[in-house]
Amino acid sequence: MDAIKELAAVLAKIEDRKLIEDFLVSILTENEIKEIHSRWDLVKLLDQGVSQRTIARKLGLRHCKITRGSKELKKKNSAFKKIISEYLPGL
């Protein structure tokens, strides 16, 4: 977990969106980027109230992955929920 903490601290200091994008493309494989994209879409759709069945069909995901995302969104002090509500609308 120390690497996650260190990476989060570094990214939090960077104000250059392009630099962050370039870094993520450099550190992640194409499959990892696709996986993150899929999870991000999943969380946004869940937050919008889209049914798990519809999400599974639309994104081609298994229900266990969707259920995990749903549980994360419902947690008290959910990081997913906070990021979606506080940071996504401004993009």
C-alpha atoms as a PDB file:
ATOM      1  CA  MET A   1       0.000   0.000   0.000  1.00  0.00           C
ATOM      2  CA  ASP A   2       2.939   2.355   0.413  1.00  0.00           C
ATOM      3  CA  ALA A   3       3.249   2.640  -3.364  1.00  0.00           C
ATOM      4  CA  ILE A   4      -0.411   3.690  -3.625  1.00  0.00           C
ATOM      5  CA  LYS A   5       0.090   6.353  -0.961  1.00  0.00           C
ATOM      6  CA  GLU A   6       3.210   7.634  -2.678  1.00  0.00           C
ATOM      7  CA  LEU A   7       1.567   7.687  -6.101  1.00  0.00           C
ATOM      8  CA  ALA A   8      -1.524   9.450  -4.737  1.00  0.00           C
ATOM      9  CA  ALA A   9       0.672  12.100  -3.102  1.00  0.00           C
ATOM     10  CA  VAL A  10       2.606  12.695  -6.328  1.00  0.00           C
ATOM     11  CA  LEU A  11      -0.538  12.903  -8.491  1.00  0.00           C
ATOM     12  CA  ALA A  12      -2.190  15.261  -6.001  1.00  0.00           C
ATOM     13  CA  LYS A  13       0.661  17.730  -6.525  1.00  0.00           C
ATOM     14  CA  ILE A  14       0.428  17.749 -10.327  1.00  0.00           C
ATOM     15  CA  GLU A  15      -1.759  20.454 -11.855  1.00  0.00           C
ATOM     16  CA  ASP A  16      -0.947  19.578 -15.458  1.00  0.00           C
ATOM     17  CA  ARG A  17      -3.754  17.288 -16.709  1.00  0.00           C
ATOM     18  CA  LYS A  18      -1.801  16.345 -19.859  1.00  0.00           C
ATOM     19  CA  LEU A  19       1.191  15.267 -17.773  1.00  0.00           C
ATOM     20  CA  ILE A  20      -1.055  13.050 -15.647  1.00  0.00           C
ATOM     21  CA  GLU A  21      -2.633  11.527 -18.769  1.00  0.00           C
ATOM     22  CA  ASP A  22       0.781  10.876 -20.312  1.00  0.00           C
ATOM     23  CA  PHE A  23       2.007   9.324 -17.073  1.00  0.00           C
ATOM     24  CA  LEU A  24      -1.002   7.010 -16.801  1.00  0.00           C
ATOM     25  CA  VAL A  25      -0.625   5.908 -20.414  1.00  0.00           C
ATOM     26  CA  SER A  26       3.057   5.229 -19.734  1.00  0.00           C
ATOM     27  CA  ILE A  27       2.595   3.242 -16.518  1.00  0.00           C
ATOM     28  CA  LEU A  28      -0.515   1.256 -17.473  1.00  0.00           C
ATOM     29  CA  THR A  29      -0.881  -1.387 -20.151  1.00  0.00           C
ATOM     30  CA  GLU A  30      -3.580  -1.063 -22.791  1.00  0.00           C
ATOM     31  CA  ASN A  31      -5.601  -3.768 -21.013  1.00  0.00           C
ATOM     32  CA  GLU A  32      -5.273  -1.982 -17.668  1.00  0.00           C
ATOM     33  CA  ILE A  33      -6.503   1.240 -19.258  1.00  0.00           C
ATOM     34  CA  LYS A  34      -9.496  -0.609 -20.733  1.00  0.00           C
ATOM     35  CA  GLU A  35     -10.228  -2.125 -17.319  1.00  0.00           C
ATOM     36  CA  ILE A  36     -10.122   1.280 -15.615  1.00  0.00           C
ATOM     37  CA  HIS A  37     -12.340   2.724 -18.354  1.00  0.00           C
ATOM     38  CA  SER A  38     -14.845  -0.077 -17.842  1.00  0.00           C
ATOM     39  CA  ARG A  39     -14.896   0.346 -14.051  1.00  0.00           C
ATOM     40  CA  TRP A  40     -15.250   4.116 -14.332  1.00  0.00           C
ATOM     41  CA  ASP A  41     -18.205   3.731 -16.740  1.00  0.00           C
ATOM     42  CA  LEU A  42     -19.717   1.156 -14.406  1.00  0.00           C
ATOM     43  CA  VAL A  43     -19.559   3.449 -11.372  1.00  0.00           C
ATOM     44  CA  LYS A  44     -21.008   6.416 -13.289  1.00  0.00           C
ATOM     45  CA  LEU A  45     -23.905   4.310 -14.599  1.00  0.00           C
ATOM     46  CA  LEU A  46     -24.625   2.905 -11.132  1.00  0.00           C
ATOM     47  CA  ASP A  47     -24.612   6.432  -9.727  1.00  0.00           C
ATOM     48  CA  GLN A  48     -27.135   7.437 -12.403  1.00  0.00           C
ATOM     49  CA  GLY A  49     -29.449   4.636 -11.223  1.00  0.00           C
ATOM     50  CA  VAL A  50     -29.010   2.363 -14.244  1.00  0.00           C
ATOM     51  CA  SER A  51     -29.935  -1.237 -13.401  1.00  0.00           C
ATOM     52  CA  GLN A  52     -27.218  -3.825 -12.967  1.00  0.00           C
ATOM     53  CA  ARG A  53     -28.765  -5.940 -15.719  1.00  0.00           C
ATOM     54  CA  THR A  54     -28.621  -3.024 -18.174  1.00  0.00           C
ATOM     55  CA  ILE A  55     -25.020  -2.251 -17.183  1.00  0.00           C
ATOM     56  CA  ALA A  56     -24.011  -5.886 -17.666  1.00  0.00           C
ATOM     57  CA  ARG A  57     -25.515  -5.893 -21.139  1.00  0.00           C
ATOM     58  CA  LYS A  58     -24.178  -2.465 -22.113  1.00  0.00           C
ATOM     59  CA  LEU A  59     -20.611  -2.913 -20.822  1.00  0.00           C
ATOM     60  CA  GLY A  60     -20.308  -6.691 -21.157  1.00  0.00           C
ATOM     61  CA  LEU A  61     -19.475  -7.089 -17.458  1.00  0.00           C
ATOM     62  CA  ARG A  62     -20.221  -9.922 -15.077  1.00  0.00           C
ATOM     63  CA  HIS A  63     -22.699  -9.264 -12.293  1.00  0.00           C
ATOM     64  CA  CYS A  64     -20.096  -9.882  -9.558  1.00  0.00           C
ATOM     65  CA  LYS A  65     -18.026  -6.920 -10.792  1.00  0.00           C
ATOM     66  CA  ILE A  66     -21.116  -4.720 -10.953  1.00  0.00           C
ATOM     67  CA  THR A  67     -22.174  -5.784  -7.462  1.00  0.00           C
ATOM     68  CA  ARG A  68     -18.723  -4.880  -6.131  1.00  0.00           C
ATOM     69  CA  GLY A  69     -18.992  -1.418  -7.693  1.00  0.00           C
ATOM     70  CA  SER A  70     -22.458  -0.999  -6.242  1.00  0.00           C
ATOM     71  CA  LYS A  71     -21.242  -1.935  -2.760  1.00  0.00           C
ATOM     72  CA  GLU A  72     -18.361   0.547  -3.041  1.00  0.00           C
ATOM     73  CA  LEU A  73     -20.759   3.339  -3.992  1.00  0.00           C
ATOM     74  CA  LYS A  74     -23.022   2.547  -1.027  1.00  0.00           C
ATOM     75  CA  LYS A  75     -20.230   2.558   1.563  1.00  0.00           C
ATOM     76  CA  LYS A  76     -20.236   5.325   4.114  1.00  0.00           C
ATOM     77  CA  ASN A  77     -17.707   7.946   2.953  1.00  0.00           C
ATOM     78  CA  SER A  78     -17.425   6.234  -0.449  1.00  0.00           C
ATOM     79  CA  ALA A  79     -14.479   7.565  -2.455  1.00  0.00           C
ATOM     80  CA  PHE A  80     -16.385   6.720  -5.656  1.00  0.00           C
ATOM     81  CA  LYS A  81     -19.397   8.765  -4.573  1.00  0.00           C
ATOM     82  CA  LYS A  82     -17.292  11.705  -3.423  1.00  0.00           C
ATOM     83  CA  ILE A  83     -15.290  11.866  -6.652  1.00  0.00           C
ATOM     84  CA  ILE A  84     -18.402  11.582  -8.829  1.00  0.00           C
ATOM     85  CA  SER A  85     -20.354  14.208  -6.917  1.00  0.00           C
ATOM     86  CA  GLU A  86     -17.544  16.683  -6.239  1.00  0.00           C
ATOM     87  CA  TYR A  87     -15.169  16.400  -9.182  1.00  0.00           C
ATOM     88  CA  LEU A  88     -16.943  14.870 -12.188  1.00  0.00           C
ATOM     89  CA  PRO A  89     -19.553  17.626 -12.732  1.00  0.00           C
ATOM     90  CA  GLY A  90     -16.818  20.217 -13.231  1.00  0.00           C
ATOM     91  CA  LEU A  91     -15.035  18.388 -16.052  1.00  0.00           C
END
